[in-house]
Amino acid sequence: MIFRQALPQEINFIFSEGYKEWSKNRTFEQYCIDNAKEDVYGTRYVIDDNNEIVSSLIILKLKDIVGKRAYGIGSVLTPKIHAGKGYATELLKNCILKEKEDSFIFLFSDINPEFYKRFNFKILPLKFQRYEKSVCMVYCNDVSWNELLNCSIDSIPNYF
């Protein structure tokens, strides 16, 4: 099992798997156009198991918050045939380790947030929640958490 950046020739496969989950009434072509925009400020990572992509996500560079770097983790996906084998867990662990301790890593959970709590992501208070179906969560140290709680909702990224 290898953690690595996605290769350009793998993006179409990653998009086709993502489209199955997040088409949002778009054509596949429009889905690809929308998601390719993220590649300008993000990096896609995968877990490769025997030359097969078994999990993927993107880390996005967001606007700094209270003078600290901020990132977003998006499009966390494990194809159904590989679900439940720990691939997304391995991918998230590796991505979190890539970023420094003194930063914010946001995500919007479309699944049960308990999965992300295992990695010490915290659910933001209700005053920071904008979306009914996606829970905004953040990974950060305790000092940064307290600084974030004193911010306005305008400091919190929109769904990415």
N, C-alpha and C. Protein backbone atom coordinates (compact mmCIF):
# COMPACT_ATOMS: atom_id res chain seq x y z
N MET A 1 0.86 -1.18 0.00
CA MET A 1 0.00 0.00 0.00
C MET A 1 0.90 1.24 0.00
N ILE A 2 0.69 2.12 -0.98
CA ILE A 2 1.53 3.30 -1.15
C ILE A 2 0.67 4.57 -1.10
N PHE A 3 1.12 5.54 -0.29
CA PHE A 3 0.51 6.88 -0.25
C PHE A 3 1.33 7.74 -1.19
N ARG A 4 0.65 8.40 -2.13
CA ARG A 4 1.36 9.24 -3.08
C ARG A 4 0.42 10.24 -3.73
N GLN A 5 1.03 11.20 -4.45
CA GLN A 5 0.24 12.14 -5.25
C GLN A 5 -0.37 11.39 -6.42
N ALA A 6 -1.56 11.80 -6.79
CA ALA A 6 -2.21 11.22 -7.96
C ALA A 6 -1.43 11.62 -9.22
N LEU A 7 -1.37 10.73 -10.17
CA LEU A 7 -0.71 11.00 -11.44
C LEU A 7 -1.71 11.61 -12.41
N PRO A 8 -1.25 12.46 -13.34
CA PRO A 8 -2.19 13.09 -14.28
C PRO A 8 -3.10 12.09 -15.00
N GLN A 9 -2.56 10.95 -15.37
CA GLN A 9 -3.36 9.97 -16.10
C GLN A 9 -4.40 9.27 -15.22
N GLU A 10 -4.37 9.51 -13.91
CA GLU A 10 -5.34 8.90 -13.00
C GLU A 10 -6.52 9.81 -12.68
N ILE A 11 -6.44 11.06 -13.08
CA ILE A 11 -7.47 12.04 -12.72
C ILE A 11 -8.83 11.64 -13.30
N ASN A 12 -8.88 11.16 -14.52
CA ASN A 12 -10.17 10.78 -15.11
C ASN A 12 -10.84 9.67 -14.29
N PHE A 13 -10.05 8.69 -13.83
CA PHE A 13 -10.61 7.62 -12.99
C PHE A 13 -11.13 8.21 -11.67
N ILE A 14 -10.34 9.09 -11.05
CA ILE A 14 -10.74 9.71 -9.78
C ILE A 14 -12.04 10.49 -9.98
N PHE A 15 -12.12 11.24 -11.08
CA PHE A 15 -13.34 12.00 -11.36
C PHE A 15 -14.53 11.07 -11.63
N SER A 16 -14.31 9.98 -12.33
CA SER A 16 -15.43 9.08 -12.62
C SER A 16 -15.96 8.44 -11.34
N GLU A 17 -15.09 8.13 -10.39
CA GLU A 17 -15.53 7.59 -9.11
C GLU A 17 -16.24 8.67 -8.28
N GLY A 18 -15.70 9.88 -8.30
CA GLY A 18 -16.34 11.00 -7.58
C GLY A 18 -17.70 11.34 -8.14
N TYR A 19 -17.83 11.27 -9.46
CA TYR A 19 -19.09 11.58 -10.11
C TYR A 19 -20.21 10.66 -9.63
N LYS A 20 -19.88 9.42 -9.33
CA LYS A 20 -20.88 8.47 -8.83
C LYS A 20 -21.48 8.94 -7.50
N GLU A 21 -20.70 9.66 -6.72
CA GLU A 21 -21.14 10.12 -5.40
C GLU A 21 -21.69 11.55 -5.40
N TRP A 22 -21.10 12.42 -6.21
CA TRP A 22 -21.40 13.86 -6.11
C TRP A 22 -21.78 14.49 -7.44
N SER A 23 -22.55 13.81 -8.26
CA SER A 23 -22.90 14.38 -9.57
C SER A 23 -23.70 15.67 -9.45
N LYS A 24 -24.56 15.76 -8.44
CA LYS A 24 -25.39 16.95 -8.21
C LYS A 24 -26.08 17.44 -9.48
N ASN A 25 -26.69 16.52 -10.20
CA ASN A 25 -27.44 16.82 -11.42
C ASN A 25 -26.60 17.47 -12.53
N ARG A 26 -25.29 17.27 -12.50
CA ARG A 26 -24.41 17.78 -13.56
C ARG A 26 -24.09 16.64 -14.52
N THR A 27 -23.72 17.01 -15.73
CA THR A 27 -23.17 16.00 -16.64
C THR A 27 -21.78 15.64 -16.14
N PHE A 28 -21.26 14.52 -16.60
CA PHE A 28 -19.90 14.13 -16.22
C PHE A 28 -18.91 15.19 -16.68
N GLU A 29 -19.12 15.73 -17.88
CA GLU A 29 -18.24 16.78 -18.40
C GLU A 29 -18.23 18.00 -17.48
N GLN A 30 -19.40 18.44 -17.03
CA GLN A 30 -19.47 19.60 -16.15
C GLN A 30 -18.84 19.28 -14.79
N TYR A 31 -19.06 18.08 -14.29
CA TYR A 31 -18.44 17.65 -13.03
C TYR A 31 -16.91 17.75 -13.14
N CYS A 32 -16.37 17.28 -14.24
CA CYS A 32 -14.91 17.33 -14.44
C CYS A 32 -14.41 18.77 -14.51
N ILE A 33 -15.14 19.62 -15.21
CA ILE A 33 -14.74 21.04 -15.31
C ILE A 33 -14.74 21.67 -13.92
N ASP A 34 -15.81 21.43 -13.16
CA ASP A 34 -15.92 22.01 -11.81
C ASP A 34 -14.80 21.52 -10.90
N ASN A 35 -14.51 20.23 -10.95
CA ASN A 35 -13.50 19.67 -10.05
C ASN A 35 -12.08 19.98 -10.49
N ALA A 36 -11.86 20.13 -11.77
CA ALA A 36 -10.52 20.48 -12.26
C ALA A 36 -10.09 21.86 -11.77
N LYS A 37 -11.05 22.74 -11.49
CA LYS A 37 -10.73 24.07 -10.96
C LYS A 37 -9.98 23.96 -9.63
N GLU A 38 -10.29 22.92 -8.85
CA GLU A 38 -9.63 22.74 -7.56
C GLU A 38 -8.16 22.38 -7.70
N ASP A 39 -7.79 21.81 -8.82
CA ASP A 39 -6.40 21.39 -9.02
C ASP A 39 -5.45 22.59 -9.09
N VAL A 40 -5.97 23.78 -9.33
CA VAL A 40 -5.15 24.98 -9.37
C VAL A 40 -4.59 25.30 -7.97
N TYR A 41 -5.36 25.03 -6.93
CA TYR A 41 -4.92 25.33 -5.57
C TYR A 41 -4.95 24.11 -4.65
N GLY A 42 -4.94 22.95 -5.27
CA GLY A 42 -4.98 21.73 -4.47
C GLY A 42 -4.11 20.64 -5.05
N THR A 43 -3.89 19.62 -4.24
CA THR A 43 -3.11 18.46 -4.65
C THR A 43 -3.92 17.20 -4.33
N ARG A 44 -4.05 16.34 -5.30
CA ARG A 44 -4.78 15.09 -5.11
C ARG A 44 -3.82 14.00 -4.65
N TYR A 45 -4.26 13.24 -3.66
CA TYR A 45 -3.47 12.13 -3.13
C TYR A 45 -4.28 10.84 -3.24
N VAL A 46 -3.56 9.74 -3.32
CA VAL A 46 -4.21 8.44 -3.42
C VAL A 46 -3.50 7.42 -2.53
N ILE A 47 -4.22 6.36 -2.25
CA ILE A 47 -3.62 5.13 -1.75
C ILE A 47 -3.62 4.17 -2.93
N ASP A 48 -2.47 3.69 -3.25
CA ASP A 48 -2.25 2.77 -4.36
C ASP A 48 -1.97 1.39 -3.76
N ASP A 49 -2.80 0.44 -4.10
CA ASP A 49 -2.59 -0.93 -3.63
C ASP A 49 -2.43 -1.82 -4.85
N ASN A 50 -1.23 -2.29 -5.07
CA ASN A 50 -0.92 -3.12 -6.25
C ASN A 50 -1.32 -2.43 -7.55
N ASN A 51 -0.91 -1.18 -7.70
CA ASN A 51 -1.17 -0.37 -8.90
C ASN A 51 -2.65 -0.11 -9.16
N GLU A 52 -3.44 -0.12 -8.10
CA GLU A 52 -4.86 0.20 -8.20
C GLU A 52 -5.18 1.30 -7.19
N ILE A 53 -5.88 2.34 -7.63
CA ILE A 53 -6.29 3.41 -6.71
C ILE A 53 -7.45 2.88 -5.88
N VAL A 54 -7.23 2.84 -4.56
CA VAL A 54 -8.26 2.30 -3.67
C VAL A 54 -8.87 3.38 -2.77
N SER A 55 -8.29 4.58 -2.78
CA SER A 55 -8.85 5.71 -2.05
C SER A 55 -8.17 6.98 -2.56
N SER A 56 -8.92 8.09 -2.54
CA SER A 56 -8.36 9.36 -3.02
C SER A 56 -8.99 10.52 -2.28
N LEU A 57 -8.30 11.66 -2.33
CA LEU A 57 -8.82 12.92 -1.78
C LEU A 57 -8.00 14.05 -2.36
N ILE A 58 -8.43 15.28 -2.07
CA ILE A 58 -7.68 16.46 -2.47
C ILE A 58 -7.44 17.32 -1.22
N ILE A 59 -6.24 17.88 -1.14
CA ILE A 59 -5.93 18.87 -0.11
C ILE A 59 -5.85 20.22 -0.80
N LEU A 60 -6.68 21.14 -0.34
CA LEU A 60 -6.78 22.47 -0.94
C LEU A 60 -6.10 23.50 -0.03
N LYS A 61 -5.35 24.42 -0.63
CA LYS A 61 -4.77 25.52 0.13
C LYS A 61 -5.83 26.61 0.20
N LEU A 62 -6.24 26.97 1.42
CA LEU A 62 -7.26 27.98 1.64
C LEU A 62 -6.62 29.26 2.15
N LYS A 63 -7.43 30.29 2.28
CA LYS A 63 -6.97 31.57 2.81
C LYS A 63 -6.57 31.39 4.29
N ASP A 64 -5.46 31.99 4.67
CA ASP A 64 -5.01 31.92 6.06
C ASP A 64 -6.08 32.45 7.00
N ILE A 65 -6.10 31.89 8.21
CA ILE A 65 -7.04 32.32 9.26
C ILE A 65 -6.22 32.65 10.49
N VAL A 66 -6.47 33.79 11.08
CA VAL A 66 -5.73 34.32 12.24
C VAL A 66 -4.22 34.12 12.07
N GLY A 67 -3.73 34.39 10.85
CA GLY A 67 -2.31 34.31 10.57
C GLY A 67 -1.75 32.90 10.45
N LYS A 68 -2.62 31.90 10.37
CA LYS A 68 -2.16 30.51 10.26
C LYS A 68 -2.63 29.92 8.94
N ARG A 69 -1.85 29.00 8.44
CA ARG A 69 -2.22 28.34 7.20
C ARG A 69 -3.51 27.54 7.38
N ALA A 70 -4.29 27.51 6.34
CA ALA A 70 -5.55 26.75 6.37
C ALA A 70 -5.64 25.89 5.11
N TYR A 71 -6.10 24.69 5.31
CA TYR A 71 -6.26 23.72 4.23
C TYR A 71 -7.66 23.14 4.29
N GLY A 72 -8.08 22.59 3.18
CA GLY A 72 -9.34 21.86 3.15
C GLY A 72 -9.09 20.47 2.58
N ILE A 73 -9.72 19.50 3.18
CA ILE A 73 -9.69 18.15 2.63
C ILE A 73 -11.04 17.91 1.98
N GLY A 74 -11.00 17.56 0.71
CA GLY A 74 -12.23 17.35 -0.03
C GLY A 74 -12.21 16.07 -0.83
N SER A 75 -13.39 15.69 -1.28
CA SER A 75 -13.56 14.53 -2.17
C SER A 75 -12.91 13.26 -1.63
N VAL A 76 -13.08 13.02 -0.33
CA VAL A 76 -12.57 11.77 0.25
C VAL A 76 -13.42 10.62 -0.30
N LEU A 77 -12.77 9.71 -0.99
CA LEU A 77 -13.53 8.67 -1.68
C LEU A 77 -12.78 7.35 -1.70
N THR A 78 -13.50 6.31 -1.38
CA THR A 78 -13.04 4.94 -1.54
C THR A 78 -14.10 4.22 -2.37
N PRO A 79 -13.74 3.69 -3.53
CA PRO A 79 -14.73 2.94 -4.31
C PRO A 79 -15.37 1.84 -3.47
N LYS A 80 -16.64 1.62 -3.69
CA LYS A 80 -17.41 0.68 -2.86
C LYS A 80 -16.75 -0.70 -2.73
N ILE A 81 -16.12 -1.16 -3.79
CA ILE A 81 -15.51 -2.50 -3.72
C ILE A 81 -14.31 -2.54 -2.76
N HIS A 82 -13.80 -1.37 -2.38
CA HIS A 82 -12.66 -1.31 -1.46
C HIS A 82 -13.04 -0.76 -0.08
N ALA A 83 -14.30 -0.44 0.10
CA ALA A 83 -14.76 0.16 1.36
C ALA A 83 -14.57 -0.80 2.54
N GLY A 84 -14.31 -0.23 3.70
CA GLY A 84 -14.21 -1.01 4.93
C GLY A 84 -12.87 -1.70 5.13
N LYS A 85 -11.89 -1.38 4.32
CA LYS A 85 -10.58 -2.04 4.42
C LYS A 85 -9.51 -1.13 5.03
N GLY A 86 -9.91 0.08 5.46
CA GLY A 86 -8.98 0.99 6.11
C GLY A 86 -8.20 1.89 5.17
N TYR A 87 -8.55 1.90 3.89
CA TYR A 87 -7.80 2.71 2.94
C TYR A 87 -7.98 4.21 3.18
N ALA A 88 -9.20 4.66 3.40
CA ALA A 88 -9.44 6.09 3.67
C ALA A 88 -8.76 6.50 4.97
N THR A 89 -8.77 5.62 5.95
CA THR A 89 -8.09 5.90 7.22
C THR A 89 -6.60 6.13 6.98
N GLU A 90 -5.98 5.27 6.22
CA GLU A 90 -4.55 5.40 5.92
C GLU A 90 -4.28 6.69 5.14
N LEU A 91 -5.13 6.99 4.20
CA LEU A 91 -4.98 8.20 3.39
C LEU A 91 -5.07 9.45 4.25
N LEU A 92 -6.08 9.53 5.10
CA LEU A 92 -6.24 10.69 5.97
C LEU A 92 -5.08 10.84 6.94
N LYS A 93 -4.64 9.75 7.54
CA LYS A 93 -3.49 9.82 8.46
C LYS A 93 -2.27 10.41 7.76
N ASN A 94 -1.99 9.95 6.56
CA ASN A 94 -0.84 10.45 5.82
C ASN A 94 -0.99 11.92 5.46
N CYS A 95 -2.18 12.33 5.07
CA CYS A 95 -2.40 13.73 4.69
C CYS A 95 -2.28 14.66 5.90
N ILE A 96 -2.80 14.24 7.03
CA ILE A 96 -2.70 15.06 8.24
C ILE A 96 -1.24 15.22 8.65
N LEU A 97 -0.45 14.16 8.52
CA LEU A 97 0.97 14.23 8.86
C LEU A 97 1.74 15.18 7.95
N LYS A 98 1.26 15.39 6.72
CA LYS A 98 1.94 16.28 5.78
C LYS A 98 1.89 17.74 6.21
N GLU A 99 0.87 18.11 6.96
CA GLU A 99 0.70 19.51 7.33
C GLU A 99 1.27 19.77 8.72
N LYS A 100 1.73 20.96 8.92
CA LYS A 100 2.34 21.31 10.21
C LYS A 100 1.28 21.40 11.31
N GLU A 101 1.74 21.28 12.53
CA GLU A 101 0.87 21.29 13.72
C GLU A 101 0.08 22.60 13.84
N ASP A 102 0.70 23.71 13.45
CA ASP A 102 0.08 25.01 13.68
C ASP A 102 -0.70 25.50 12.46
N SER A 103 -1.67 24.69 12.02
CA SER A 103 -2.51 25.06 10.88
C SER A 103 -3.92 24.55 11.13
N PHE A 104 -4.82 24.95 10.25
CA PHE A 104 -6.20 24.47 10.29
C PHE A 104 -6.41 23.56 9.09
N ILE A 105 -7.05 22.42 9.32
CA ILE A 105 -7.43 21.54 8.23
C ILE A 105 -8.94 21.34 8.35
N PHE A 106 -9.67 21.88 7.38
CA PHE A 106 -11.13 21.81 7.38
C PHE A 106 -11.61 20.69 6.47
N LEU A 107 -12.79 20.21 6.77
CA LEU A 107 -13.50 19.32 5.87
C LEU A 107 -14.98 19.44 6.14
N PHE A 108 -15.76 19.06 5.15
CA PHE A 108 -17.21 19.02 5.29
C PHE A 108 -17.61 17.56 5.20
N SER A 109 -18.14 17.03 6.28
CA SER A 109 -18.48 15.62 6.35
C SER A 109 -19.89 15.37 5.82
N ASP A 110 -19.95 14.58 4.76
CA ASP A 110 -21.23 14.14 4.22
C ASP A 110 -21.60 12.76 4.78
N ILE A 111 -20.71 12.21 5.60
CA ILE A 111 -20.95 10.93 6.26
C ILE A 111 -21.02 11.19 7.76
N ASN A 112 -21.21 10.15 8.53
CA ASN A 112 -21.23 10.29 9.99
C ASN A 112 -19.91 10.91 10.45
N PRO A 113 -19.96 12.08 11.12
CA PRO A 113 -18.73 12.76 11.55
C PRO A 113 -17.87 11.94 12.51
N GLU A 114 -18.43 10.91 13.11
CA GLU A 114 -17.64 10.07 14.03
C GLU A 114 -16.42 9.50 13.34
N PHE A 115 -16.52 9.23 12.05
CA PHE A 115 -15.37 8.72 11.31
C PHE A 115 -14.20 9.69 11.42
N TYR A 116 -14.46 10.99 11.24
CA TYR A 116 -13.40 11.99 11.25
C TYR A 116 -12.96 12.35 12.68
N LYS A 117 -13.83 12.18 13.62
CA LYS A 117 -13.46 12.43 15.02
C LYS A 117 -12.32 11.50 15.44
N ARG A 118 -12.23 10.33 14.84
CA ARG A 118 -11.14 9.39 15.16
C ARG A 118 -9.77 9.99 14.87
N PHE A 119 -9.73 10.98 13.99
CA PHE A 119 -8.48 11.64 13.61
C PHE A 119 -8.31 12.97 14.34
N ASN A 120 -9.15 13.20 15.34
CA ASN A 120 -9.15 14.44 16.14
C ASN A 120 -9.71 15.65 15.40
N PHE A 121 -10.52 15.42 14.38
CA PHE A 121 -11.29 16.53 13.81
C PHE A 121 -12.39 16.85 14.81
N LYS A 122 -12.67 18.15 14.94
CA LYS A 122 -13.72 18.60 15.85
C LYS A 122 -14.85 19.24 15.03
N ILE A 123 -16.07 19.00 15.47
CA ILE A 123 -17.22 19.64 14.83
C ILE A 123 -17.26 21.10 15.28
N LEU A 124 -17.32 21.99 14.32
CA LEU A 124 -17.42 23.41 14.66
C LEU A 124 -18.78 23.70 15.30
N PRO A 125 -18.82 24.69 16.18
CA PRO A 125 -20.10 25.05 16.81
C PRO A 125 -21.15 25.43 15.76
N LEU A 126 -22.40 25.33 16.16
CA LEU A 126 -23.53 25.59 15.28
C LEU A 126 -23.43 26.95 14.57
N LYS A 127 -22.88 27.95 15.25
CA LYS A 127 -22.79 29.30 14.65
C LYS A 127 -21.91 29.32 13.40
N PHE A 128 -21.08 28.28 13.21
CA PHE A 128 -20.20 28.19 12.05
C PHE A 128 -20.71 27.21 10.98
N GLN A 129 -21.84 26.58 11.22
CA GLN A 129 -22.38 25.59 10.29
C GLN A 129 -23.29 26.28 9.28
N ARG A 130 -22.98 26.13 8.00
CA ARG A 130 -23.77 26.75 6.94
C ARG A 130 -24.68 25.78 6.19
N TYR A 131 -24.37 24.50 6.27
CA TYR A 131 -25.03 23.54 5.41
C TYR A 131 -25.75 22.47 6.23
N GLU A 132 -26.96 22.17 5.82
CA GLU A 132 -27.78 21.21 6.55
C GLU A 132 -27.24 19.78 6.44
N LYS A 133 -26.72 19.43 5.27
CA LYS A 133 -26.33 18.03 5.02
C LYS A 133 -24.83 17.77 5.15
N SER A 134 -24.04 18.80 5.38
CA SER A 134 -22.59 18.63 5.51
C SER A 134 -22.12 19.34 6.76
N VAL A 135 -21.48 18.58 7.65
CA VAL A 135 -21.00 19.12 8.92
C VAL A 135 -19.58 19.64 8.73
N CYS A 136 -19.35 20.91 9.06
CA CYS A 136 -18.02 21.49 8.97
C CYS A 136 -17.21 21.07 10.19
N MET A 137 -16.01 20.54 9.92
CA MET A 137 -15.13 20.07 10.98
C MET A 137 -13.74 20.65 10.75
N VAL A 138 -12.94 20.67 11.81
CA VAL A 138 -11.57 21.18 11.69
C VAL A 138 -10.62 20.35 12.54
N TYR A 139 -9.42 20.22 12.02
CA TYR A 139 -8.32 19.59 12.74
C TYR A 139 -7.33 20.69 13.06
N CYS A 140 -7.03 20.88 14.35
CA CYS A 140 -6.07 21.90 14.76
C CYS A 140 -5.70 21.65 16.22
N ASN A 141 -4.66 22.35 16.68
CA ASN A 141 -4.29 22.21 18.09
C ASN A 141 -5.25 23.05 18.96
N ASP A 142 -5.15 22.88 20.27
CA ASP A 142 -6.09 23.54 21.19
C ASP A 142 -5.99 25.06 21.15
N VAL A 143 -4.78 25.60 21.01
CA VAL A 143 -4.61 27.06 20.94
C VAL A 143 -5.33 27.59 19.70
N SER A 144 -5.11 26.93 18.57
CA SER A 144 -5.75 27.36 17.32
C SER A 144 -7.27 27.22 17.40
N TRP A 145 -7.74 26.16 18.03
CA TRP A 145 -9.18 25.94 18.21
C TRP A 145 -9.79 27.13 18.95
N ASN A 146 -9.17 27.54 20.03
CA ASN A 146 -9.69 28.67 20.81
C ASN A 146 -9.65 29.97 20.02
N GLU A 147 -8.63 30.16 19.21
CA GLU A 147 -8.57 31.35 18.35
C GLU A 147 -9.69 31.30 17.30
N LEU A 148 -9.93 30.13 16.76
CA LEU A 148 -10.97 29.98 15.75
C LEU A 148 -12.35 30.28 16.32
N LEU A 149 -12.58 29.86 17.55
CA LEU A 149 -13.89 30.10 18.19
C LEU A 149 -14.19 31.58 18.35
N ASN A 150 -13.17 32.42 18.35
CA ASN A 150 -13.36 33.86 18.46
C ASN A 150 -13.52 34.56 17.11
N CYS A 151 -13.47 33.80 16.04
CA CYS A 151 -13.62 34.36 14.70
C CYS A 151 -15.10 34.47 14.33
N SER A 152 -15.35 35.16 13.23
CA SER A 152 -16.73 35.21 12.71
C SER A 152 -16.90 34.10 11.69
N ILE A 153 -18.13 33.84 11.32
CA ILE A 153 -18.39 32.80 10.31
C ILE A 153 -17.73 33.13 8.98
N ASP A 154 -17.46 34.41 8.74
CA ASP A 154 -16.81 34.81 7.50
C ASP A 154 -15.39 34.26 7.38
N SER A 155 -14.78 33.87 8.50
CA SER A 155 -13.44 33.28 8.49
C SER A 155 -13.47 31.81 8.11
N ILE A 156 -14.62 31.18 8.23
CA ILE A 156 -14.76 29.75 7.97
C ILE A 156 -14.99 29.55 6.47
N PRO A 157 -14.26 28.62 5.85
CA PRO A 157 -14.44 28.43 4.41
C PRO A 157 -15.83 27.91 4.06
N ASN A 158 -16.27 28.27 2.85
CA ASN A 158 -17.49 27.69 2.31
C ASN A 158 -17.19 26.28 1.84
N TYR A 159 -18.24 25.53 1.59
CA TYR A 159 -18.09 24.16 1.08
C TYR A 159 -17.18 24.18 -0.15
N PHE A 160 -16.23 23.28 -0.17
CA PHE A 160 -15.29 23.22 -1.30
C PHE A 160 -15.36 21.87 -1.97
